[in-house]
Amino acid sequence: MLIDDIQSLSGKKVATQEEFFNTFNALHDKQKQIVLTSDRSPKHLEGLEERLVTRFSWGLTQTITPPDFETRIAILQSKTEHLGYNFQSDTLEYLAGQFDSNVRDLEGAINDITLIARVKNIKDITIDIAAEAIRARKQDVSQMLVIPIDKIQNEVGNFYGVSVKEMKGSRRLQNIVLARQVAMYLSRELTDNSLPKIGKEFGGKDHTTVIHAHAKIKSLIDEDDNLRLEIESIKKKIK
């Protein structure tokens, strides 16, 4: 049984929840698979009987988030390798920095790019070609991710109580290091700036520092749900 938006049961009549409770139990007793999606975790569902919430917590709870920067590049590589065009690596990085919502946006961008390349009889797909295709496709410029790094720094600094000056400095206090690494991580995730450019915006840090910060935060997110939620909260404020 597959049910999307299970939170829509909240506030429904008792009889509706009762019927679902019985259906759930019958399927569970027969070892059938039950997959539910929701916009929040079971413990945060309101307006549902406690016995339902308890059963929702029996199974594996998995958070599904938009693909990160590296995953978006991997998707683009997979989608473009058999198209007969040479998508340069910096072009893929540019596209990965422009879209962070879902795979469909990436696929749509690729389709537009290949159409232009076919019309112009071009084999090498440069950033200029990709930018032209995106401009032609996007009627709503608000969907484009044009986020300045200083905005990311300010929002991260406000969240963690760290100044941008401290973020750009070299002090190694734990809260400053965390804010600095989160800001670098988001700068790489949400923009198409090069690693040297990002490093420069953080007081002239080397590009390897940016790589390390991104890898560190990415690893922590996989282990720490609180940090993941913090970063998602910062992302919403940035956008």
C-alpha atoms as a PDB file:
ATOM      1  CA  MET A   1       0.000   0.000   0.000  1.00  0.00           C
ATOM      2  CA  LEU A   2       1.384   3.380  -1.028  1.00  0.00           C
ATOM      3  CA  ILE A   3      -0.103   6.541   0.462  1.00  0.00           C
ATOM      4  CA  ASP A   4       1.150  10.048  -0.237  1.00  0.00           C
ATOM      5  CA  ASP A   5       0.682  12.959   2.202  1.00  0.00           C
ATOM      6  CA  ILE A   6      -0.468  10.882   5.141  1.00  0.00           C
ATOM      7  CA  GLN A   7      -0.656  14.103   7.188  1.00  0.00           C
ATOM      8  CA  SER A   8      -3.896  14.844   5.302  1.00  0.00           C
ATOM      9  CA  LEU A   9      -5.582  12.391   7.671  1.00  0.00           C
ATOM     10  CA  SER A  10      -5.030  14.884  10.473  1.00  0.00           C
ATOM     11  CA  GLY A  11      -8.285  16.307  11.758  1.00  0.00           C
ATOM     12  CA  LYS A  12     -10.390  13.796   9.852  1.00  0.00           C
ATOM     13  CA  LYS A  13     -13.363  12.155  11.511  1.00  0.00           C
ATOM     14  CA  VAL A  14     -12.672   9.384  13.968  1.00  0.00           C
ATOM     15  CA  ALA A  15     -14.311   6.863  11.649  1.00  0.00           C
ATOM     16  CA  THR A  16     -11.815   7.632   8.857  1.00  0.00           C
ATOM     17  CA  GLN A  17      -8.820   7.148  11.134  1.00  0.00           C
ATOM     18  CA  GLU A  18     -10.423   4.018  12.587  1.00  0.00           C
ATOM     19  CA  GLU A  19     -10.797   2.514   9.112  1.00  0.00           C
ATOM     20  CA  PHE A  20      -7.200   3.307   8.229  1.00  0.00           C
ATOM     21  CA  PHE A  21      -6.020   1.861  11.552  1.00  0.00           C
ATOM     22  CA  ASN A  22      -7.784  -1.439  10.804  1.00  0.00           C
ATOM     23  CA  THR A  23      -6.441  -1.520   7.243  1.00  0.00           C
ATOM     24  CA  PHE A  24      -2.919  -0.852   8.488  1.00  0.00           C
ATOM     25  CA  ASN A  25      -3.134  -3.656  11.033  1.00  0.00           C
ATOM     26  CA  ALA A  26      -4.528  -6.142   8.513  1.00  0.00           C
ATOM     27  CA  LEU A  27      -1.740  -5.473   6.043  1.00  0.00           C
ATOM     28  CA  HIS A  28       0.937  -5.474   8.731  1.00  0.00           C
ATOM     29  CA  ASP A  29      -0.273  -8.809  10.110  1.00  0.00           C
ATOM     30  CA  LYS A  30       0.073 -10.303   6.623  1.00  0.00           C
ATOM     31  CA  GLN A  31       3.602  -8.869   6.333  1.00  0.00           C
ATOM     32  CA  LYS A  32       2.634  -6.610   3.457  1.00  0.00           C
ATOM     33  CA  GLN A  33       4.659  -3.542   2.594  1.00  0.00           C
ATOM     34  CA  ILE A  34       3.271  -0.164   3.618  1.00  0.00           C
ATOM     35  CA  VAL A  35       4.897   3.034   2.328  1.00  0.00           C
ATOM     36  CA  LEU A  36       3.734   6.410   3.610  1.00  0.00           C
ATOM     37  CA  THR A  37       4.976   9.884   2.754  1.00  0.00           C
ATOM     38  CA  SER A  38       4.512  13.009   4.812  1.00  0.00           C
ATOM     39  CA  ASP A  39       5.799  16.557   5.032  1.00  0.00           C
ATOM     40  CA  ARG A  40       6.969  15.903   8.597  1.00  0.00           C
ATOM     41  CA  SER A  41       8.206  13.054  10.785  1.00  0.00           C
ATOM     42  CA  PRO A  42       5.690  10.806  12.616  1.00  0.00           C
ATOM     43  CA  LYS A  43       6.379  12.394  15.997  1.00  0.00           C
ATOM     44  CA  HIS A  44       5.421  15.808  14.601  1.00  0.00           C
ATOM     45  CA  LEU A  45       2.100  14.712  13.118  1.00  0.00           C
ATOM     46  CA  GLU A  46      -0.770  16.439  14.876  1.00  0.00           C
ATOM     47  CA  GLY A  47      -4.479  15.664  14.827  1.00  0.00           C
ATOM     48  CA  LEU A  48      -3.910  11.922  14.511  1.00  0.00           C
ATOM     49  CA  GLU A  49      -4.702   9.266  17.079  1.00  0.00           C
ATOM     50  CA  GLU A  50      -1.681   8.287  19.133  1.00  0.00           C
ATOM     51  CA  ARG A  51      -2.016   4.635  18.104  1.00  0.00           C
ATOM     52  CA  LEU A  52      -1.641   5.636  14.451  1.00  0.00           C
ATOM     53  CA  VAL A  53       1.421   7.748  15.129  1.00  0.00           C
ATOM     54  CA  THR A  54       2.931   4.851  17.070  1.00  0.00           C
ATOM     55  CA  ARG A  55       2.435   2.492  14.144  1.00  0.00           C
ATOM     56  CA  PHE A  56       3.910   4.995  11.700  1.00  0.00           C
ATOM     57  CA  SER A  57       7.050   4.942  13.849  1.00  0.00           C
ATOM     58  CA  TRP A  58       7.427   1.166  13.618  1.00  0.00           C
ATOM     59  CA  GLY A  59       9.080   1.233  10.237  1.00  0.00           C
ATOM     60  CA  LEU A  60      12.094   2.900   8.708  1.00  0.00           C
ATOM     61  CA  THR A  61      11.822   6.689   8.655  1.00  0.00           C
ATOM     62  CA  GLN A  62      13.834   8.303   5.877  1.00  0.00           C
ATOM     63  CA  THR A  63      14.182  11.965   5.030  1.00  0.00           C
ATOM     64  CA  ILE A  64      14.165  12.717   1.307  1.00  0.00           C
ATOM     65  CA  THR A  65      15.954  15.932   0.422  1.00  0.00           C
ATOM     66  CA  PRO A  66      16.857  17.538  -2.918  1.00  0.00           C
ATOM     67  CA  PRO A  67      20.071  16.120  -4.442  1.00  0.00           C
ATOM     68  CA  ASP A  68      23.251  17.803  -3.222  1.00  0.00           C
ATOM     69  CA  PHE A  69      25.826  19.400  -5.533  1.00  0.00           C
ATOM     70  CA  GLU A  70      27.869  16.251  -6.192  1.00  0.00           C
ATOM     71  CA  THR A  71      24.740  14.186  -6.766  1.00  0.00           C
ATOM     72  CA  ARG A  72      23.430  16.754  -9.246  1.00  0.00           C
ATOM     73  CA  ILE A  73      26.703  16.566 -11.172  1.00  0.00           C
ATOM     74  CA  ALA A  74      26.538  12.755 -11.179  1.00  0.00           C
ATOM     75  CA  ILE A  75      22.957  12.913 -12.503  1.00  0.00           C
ATOM     76  CA  LEU A  76      24.012  15.325 -15.230  1.00  0.00           C
ATOM     77  CA  GLN A  77      26.935  13.116 -16.231  1.00  0.00           C
ATOM     78  CA  SER A  78      24.643  10.103 -16.444  1.00  0.00           C
ATOM     79  CA  LYS A  79      22.023  11.987 -18.456  1.00  0.00           C
ATOM     80  CA  THR A  80      24.484  13.503 -20.940  1.00  0.00           C
ATOM     81  CA  GLU A  81      27.054  10.788 -21.591  1.00  0.00           C
ATOM     82  CA  HIS A  82      25.047   9.122 -24.383  1.00  0.00           C
ATOM     83  CA  LEU A  83      23.687  12.242 -26.080  1.00  0.00           C
ATOM     84  CA  GLY A  84      26.519  12.685 -28.559  1.00  0.00           C
ATOM     85  CA  TYR A  85      27.554  16.079 -27.199  1.00  0.00           C
ATOM     86  CA  ASN A  86      30.631  17.072 -25.222  1.00  0.00           C
ATOM     87  CA  PHE A  87      29.381  18.613 -21.992  1.00  0.00           C
ATOM     88  CA  GLN A  88      32.468  20.207 -20.465  1.00  0.00           C
ATOM     89  CA  SER A  89      33.038  19.661 -16.750  1.00  0.00           C
ATOM     90  CA  ASP A  90      32.683  23.352 -15.914  1.00  0.00           C
ATOM     91  CA  THR A  91      29.371  23.379 -17.795  1.00  0.00           C
ATOM     92  CA  LEU A  92      28.058  20.529 -15.650  1.00  0.00           C
ATOM     93  CA  GLU A  93      29.184  22.364 -12.514  1.00  0.00           C
ATOM     94  CA  TYR A  94      27.430  25.499 -13.747  1.00  0.00           C
ATOM     95  CA  LEU A  95      24.163  23.603 -14.325  1.00  0.00           C
ATOM     96  CA  ALA A  96      24.429  21.845 -10.975  1.00  0.00           C
ATOM     97  CA  GLY A  97      24.745  25.242  -9.324  1.00  0.00           C
ATOM     98  CA  GLN A  98      21.690  26.641 -11.106  1.00  0.00           C
ATOM     99  CA  PHE A  99      19.178  23.990 -10.044  1.00  0.00           C
ATOM    100  CA  ASP A 100      18.764  22.434  -6.617  1.00  0.00           C
ATOM    101  CA  SER A 101      15.112  21.431  -6.570  1.00  0.00           C
ATOM    102  CA  ASN A 102      14.702  18.129  -8.406  1.00  0.00           C
ATOM    103  CA  VAL A 103      15.893  15.900 -11.221  1.00  0.00           C
ATOM    104  CA  ARG A 104      13.140  17.055 -13.591  1.00  0.00           C
ATOM    105  CA  ASP A 105      14.608  20.566 -13.675  1.00  0.00           C
ATOM    106  CA  LEU A 106      17.996  19.135 -14.626  1.00  0.00           C
ATOM    107  CA  GLU A 107      16.465  16.983 -17.351  1.00  0.00           C
ATOM    108  CA  GLY A 108      14.543  19.946 -18.725  1.00  0.00           C
ATOM    109  CA  ALA A 109      17.710  22.039 -18.880  1.00  0.00           C
ATOM    110  CA  ILE A 110      19.552  19.276 -20.737  1.00  0.00           C
ATOM    111  CA  ASN A 111      16.736  18.986 -23.272  1.00  0.00           C
ATOM    112  CA  ASP A 112      16.821  22.727 -23.938  1.00  0.00           C
ATOM    113  CA  ILE A 113      20.596  22.732 -24.293  1.00  0.00           C
ATOM    114  CA  THR A 114      20.653  19.832 -26.744  1.00  0.00           C
ATOM    115  CA  LEU A 115      17.936  21.507 -28.808  1.00  0.00           C
ATOM    116  CA  ILE A 116      20.022  24.667 -29.177  1.00  0.00           C
ATOM    117  CA  ALA A 117      23.135  22.609 -29.911  1.00  0.00           C
ATOM    118  CA  ARG A 118      21.277  20.688 -32.612  1.00  0.00           C
ATOM    119  CA  VAL A 119      19.969  23.852 -34.258  1.00  0.00           C
ATOM    120  CA  LYS A 120      23.410  25.503 -34.185  1.00  0.00           C
ATOM    121  CA  ASN A 121      25.221  22.267 -35.071  1.00  0.00           C
ATOM    122  CA  ILE A 122      27.419  22.507 -31.984  1.00  0.00           C
ATOM    123  CA  LYS A 123      29.110  19.520 -30.354  1.00  0.00           C
ATOM    124  CA  ASP A 124      30.946  21.174 -27.453  1.00  0.00           C
ATOM    125  CA  ILE A 125      28.536  22.439 -24.797  1.00  0.00           C
ATOM    126  CA  THR A 126      30.084  25.435 -23.047  1.00  0.00           C
ATOM    127  CA  ILE A 127      28.760  27.483 -20.153  1.00  0.00           C
ATOM    128  CA  ASP A 128      27.667  30.152 -22.635  1.00  0.00           C
ATOM    129  CA  ILE A 129      25.485  27.651 -24.512  1.00  0.00           C
ATOM    130  CA  ALA A 130      24.029  26.351 -21.251  1.00  0.00           C
ATOM    131  CA  ALA A 131      23.306  29.883 -20.027  1.00  0.00           C
ATOM    132  CA  GLU A 132      21.591  30.744 -23.306  1.00  0.00           C
ATOM    133  CA  ALA A 133      19.358  27.675 -23.050  1.00  0.00           C
ATOM    134  CA  ILE A 134      18.420  28.430 -19.461  1.00  0.00           C
ATOM    135  CA  ARG A 135      17.592  32.059 -20.212  1.00  0.00           C
ATOM    136  CA  ALA A 136      15.343  30.965 -23.048  1.00  0.00           C
ATOM    137  CA  ARG A 137      13.598  28.449 -20.811  1.00  0.00           C
ATOM    138  CA  LYS A 138      13.163  30.446 -17.648  1.00  0.00           C
ATOM    139  CA  GLN A 139      10.316  32.899 -17.861  1.00  0.00           C
ATOM    140  CA  ASP A 140      10.270  33.180 -14.085  1.00  0.00           C
ATOM    141  CA  VAL A 141      13.712  34.380 -13.076  1.00  0.00           C
ATOM    142  CA  SER A 142      12.893  33.693  -9.451  1.00  0.00           C
ATOM    143  CA  GLN A 143      13.554  30.026 -10.148  1.00  0.00           C
ATOM    144  CA  MET A 144      17.169  30.845 -10.970  1.00  0.00           C
ATOM    145  CA  LEU A 145      19.655  30.558  -8.151  1.00  0.00           C
ATOM    146  CA  VAL A 146      21.538  33.846  -8.170  1.00  0.00           C
ATOM    147  CA  ILE A 147      22.644  33.929  -4.580  1.00  0.00           C
ATOM    148  CA  PRO A 148      25.580  36.117  -3.508  1.00  0.00           C
ATOM    149  CA  ILE A 149      28.038  34.517  -1.124  1.00  0.00           C
ATOM    150  CA  ASP A 150      27.793  37.435   1.303  1.00  0.00           C
ATOM    151  CA  LYS A 151      24.087  36.700   1.745  1.00  0.00           C
ATOM    152  CA  ILE A 152      24.935  33.119   2.671  1.00  0.00           C
ATOM    153  CA  GLN A 153      27.579  34.349   5.107  1.00  0.00           C
ATOM    154  CA  ASN A 154      25.168  36.787   6.750  1.00  0.00           C
ATOM    155  CA  GLU A 155      22.383  34.234   7.189  1.00  0.00           C
ATOM    156  CA  VAL A 156      24.750  31.587   8.560  1.00  0.00           C
ATOM    157  CA  GLY A 157      26.359  34.146  10.857  1.00  0.00           C
ATOM    158  CA  ASN A 158      22.977  35.299  12.173  1.00  0.00           C
ATOM    159  CA  PHE A 159      21.938  31.717  12.822  1.00  0.00           C
ATOM    160  CA  TYR A 160      25.070  30.754  14.763  1.00  0.00           C
ATOM    161  CA  GLY A 161      25.804  34.136  16.324  1.00  0.00           C
ATOM    162  CA  VAL A 162      29.082  34.575  14.451  1.00  0.00           C
ATOM    163  CA  SER A 163      30.136  37.714  12.560  1.00  0.00           C
ATOM    164  CA  VAL A 164      31.148  37.609   8.901  1.00  0.00           C
ATOM    165  CA  LYS A 165      34.525  39.049   9.954  1.00  0.00           C
ATOM    166  CA  GLU A 166      35.061  36.071  12.268  1.00  0.00           C
ATOM    167  CA  MET A 167      33.981  33.728   9.496  1.00  0.00           C
ATOM    168  CA  LYS A 168      36.590  35.205   7.168  1.00  0.00           C
ATOM    169  CA  GLY A 169      39.280  35.131   9.833  1.00  0.00           C
ATOM    170  CA  SER A 170      41.411  32.277  11.095  1.00  0.00           C
ATOM    171  CA  ARG A 171      40.167  31.771  14.664  1.00  0.00           C
ATOM    172  CA  ARG A 172      39.507  28.113  15.460  1.00  0.00           C
ATOM    173  CA  LEU A 173      36.813  28.404  18.138  1.00  0.00           C
ATOM    174  CA  GLN A 174      34.300  25.609  17.654  1.00  0.00           C
ATOM    175  CA  ASN A 175      31.285  27.811  16.904  1.00  0.00           C
ATOM    176  CA  ILE A 176      33.250  29.917  14.422  1.00  0.00           C
ATOM    177  CA  VAL A 177      34.649  26.867  12.645  1.00  0.00           C
ATOM    178  CA  LEU A 178      31.178  25.343  12.335  1.00  0.00           C
ATOM    179  CA  ALA A 179      29.687  28.557  10.947  1.00  0.00           C
ATOM    180  CA  ARG A 180      32.589  28.966   8.516  1.00  0.00           C
ATOM    181  CA  GLN A 181      32.302  25.395   7.243  1.00  0.00           C
ATOM    182  CA  VAL A 182      28.506  25.553   6.930  1.00  0.00           C
ATOM    183  CA  ALA A 183      28.779  28.802   4.969  1.00  0.00           C
ATOM    184  CA  MET A 184      31.393  27.267   2.652  1.00  0.00           C
ATOM    185  CA  TYR A 185      29.241  24.183   2.233  1.00  0.00           C
ATOM    186  CA  LEU A 186      26.194  26.257   1.280  1.00  0.00           C
ATOM    187  CA  SER A 187      28.264  28.488  -1.004  1.00  0.00           C
ATOM    188  CA  ARG A 188      29.242  25.423  -2.980  1.00  0.00           C
ATOM    189  CA  GLU A 189      25.763  23.876  -2.858  1.00  0.00           C
ATOM    190  CA  LEU A 190      23.726  26.945  -3.770  1.00  0.00           C
ATOM    191  CA  THR A 191      25.960  28.837  -6.188  1.00  0.00           C
ATOM    192  CA  ASP A 192      28.003  28.107  -9.285  1.00  0.00           C
ATOM    193  CA  ASN A 193      31.079  29.939  -7.985  1.00  0.00           C
ATOM    194  CA  SER A 194      34.404  28.182  -8.428  1.00  0.00           C
ATOM    195  CA  LEU A 195      36.277  26.805  -5.429  1.00  0.00           C
ATOM    196  CA  PRO A 196      38.972  29.529  -5.619  1.00  0.00           C
ATOM    197  CA  LYS A 197      36.251  32.198  -5.781  1.00  0.00           C
ATOM    198  CA  ILE A 198      34.532  30.796  -2.688  1.00  0.00           C
ATOM    199  CA  GLY A 199      37.853  30.605  -0.857  1.00  0.00           C
ATOM    200  CA  LYS A 200      38.600  34.220  -1.762  1.00  0.00           C
ATOM    201  CA  GLU A 201      35.263  35.332  -0.267  1.00  0.00           C
ATOM    202  CA  PHE A 202      36.273  33.718   3.030  1.00  0.00           C
ATOM    203  CA  GLY A 203      39.371  35.817   3.610  1.00  0.00           C
ATOM    204  CA  GLY A 204      41.507  34.294   0.887  1.00  0.00           C
ATOM    205  CA  LYS A 205      41.238  30.677   1.984  1.00  0.00           C
ATOM    206  CA  ASP A 206      42.753  28.035  -0.293  1.00  0.00           C
ATOM    207  CA  HIS A 207      40.362  26.025  -2.470  1.00  0.00           C
ATOM    208  CA  THR A 208      41.382  22.860  -0.589  1.00  0.00           C
ATOM    209  CA  THR A 209      39.939  24.424   2.561  1.00  0.00           C
ATOM    210  CA  VAL A 210      36.597  24.786   0.797  1.00  0.00           C
ATOM    211  CA  ILE A 211      36.730  21.162  -0.354  1.00  0.00           C
ATOM    212  CA  HIS A 212      37.489  20.009   3.196  1.00  0.00           C
ATOM    213  CA  ALA A 213      34.686  22.138   4.687  1.00  0.00           C
ATOM    214  CA  HIS A 214      32.155  20.828   2.164  1.00  0.00           C
ATOM    215  CA  ALA A 215      33.158  17.209   2.750  1.00  0.00           C
ATOM    216  CA  LYS A 216      33.119  17.699   6.535  1.00  0.00           C
ATOM    217  CA  ILE A 217      29.604  19.177   6.652  1.00  0.00           C
ATOM    218  CA  LYS A 218      28.274  16.657   4.163  1.00  0.00           C
ATOM    219  CA  SER A 219      29.570  13.844   6.372  1.00  0.00           C
ATOM    220  CA  LEU A 220      28.117  15.416   9.530  1.00  0.00           C
ATOM    221  CA  ILE A 221      24.706  15.868   7.918  1.00  0.00           C
ATOM    222  CA  ASP A 222      24.512  12.127   7.306  1.00  0.00           C
ATOM    223  CA  GLU A 223      25.082  11.491  11.009  1.00  0.00           C
ATOM    224  CA  ASP A 224      23.461  14.466  12.744  1.00  0.00           C
ATOM    225  CA  ASP A 225      19.759  15.133  12.114  1.00  0.00           C
ATOM    226  CA  ASN A 226      19.884  18.346  14.147  1.00  0.00           C
ATOM    227  CA  LEU A 227      22.596  19.809  11.923  1.00  0.00           C
ATOM    228  CA  ARG A 228      20.700  18.751   8.823  1.00  0.00           C
ATOM    229  CA  LEU A 229      17.587  20.547  10.061  1.00  0.00           C
ATOM    230  CA  GLU A 230      19.639  23.619  10.952  1.00  0.00           C
ATOM    231  CA  ILE A 231      21.068  23.794   7.436  1.00  0.00           C
ATOM    232  CA  GLU A 232      17.643  23.299   5.853  1.00  0.00           C
ATOM    233  CA  SER A 233      16.362  26.168   8.002  1.00  0.00           C
ATOM    234  CA  ILE A 234      19.236  28.416   6.868  1.00  0.00           C
ATOM    235  CA  LYS A 235      18.576  27.482   3.234  1.00  0.00           C
ATOM    236  CA  LYS A 236      14.981  28.649   3.513  1.00  0.00           C
ATOM    237  CA  LYS A 237      16.105  32.011   4.871  1.00  0.00           C
ATOM    238  CA  ILE A 238      18.685  32.401   2.108  1.00  0.00           C
ATOM    239  CA  LYS A 239      16.135  31.744  -0.629  1.00  0.00           C
END
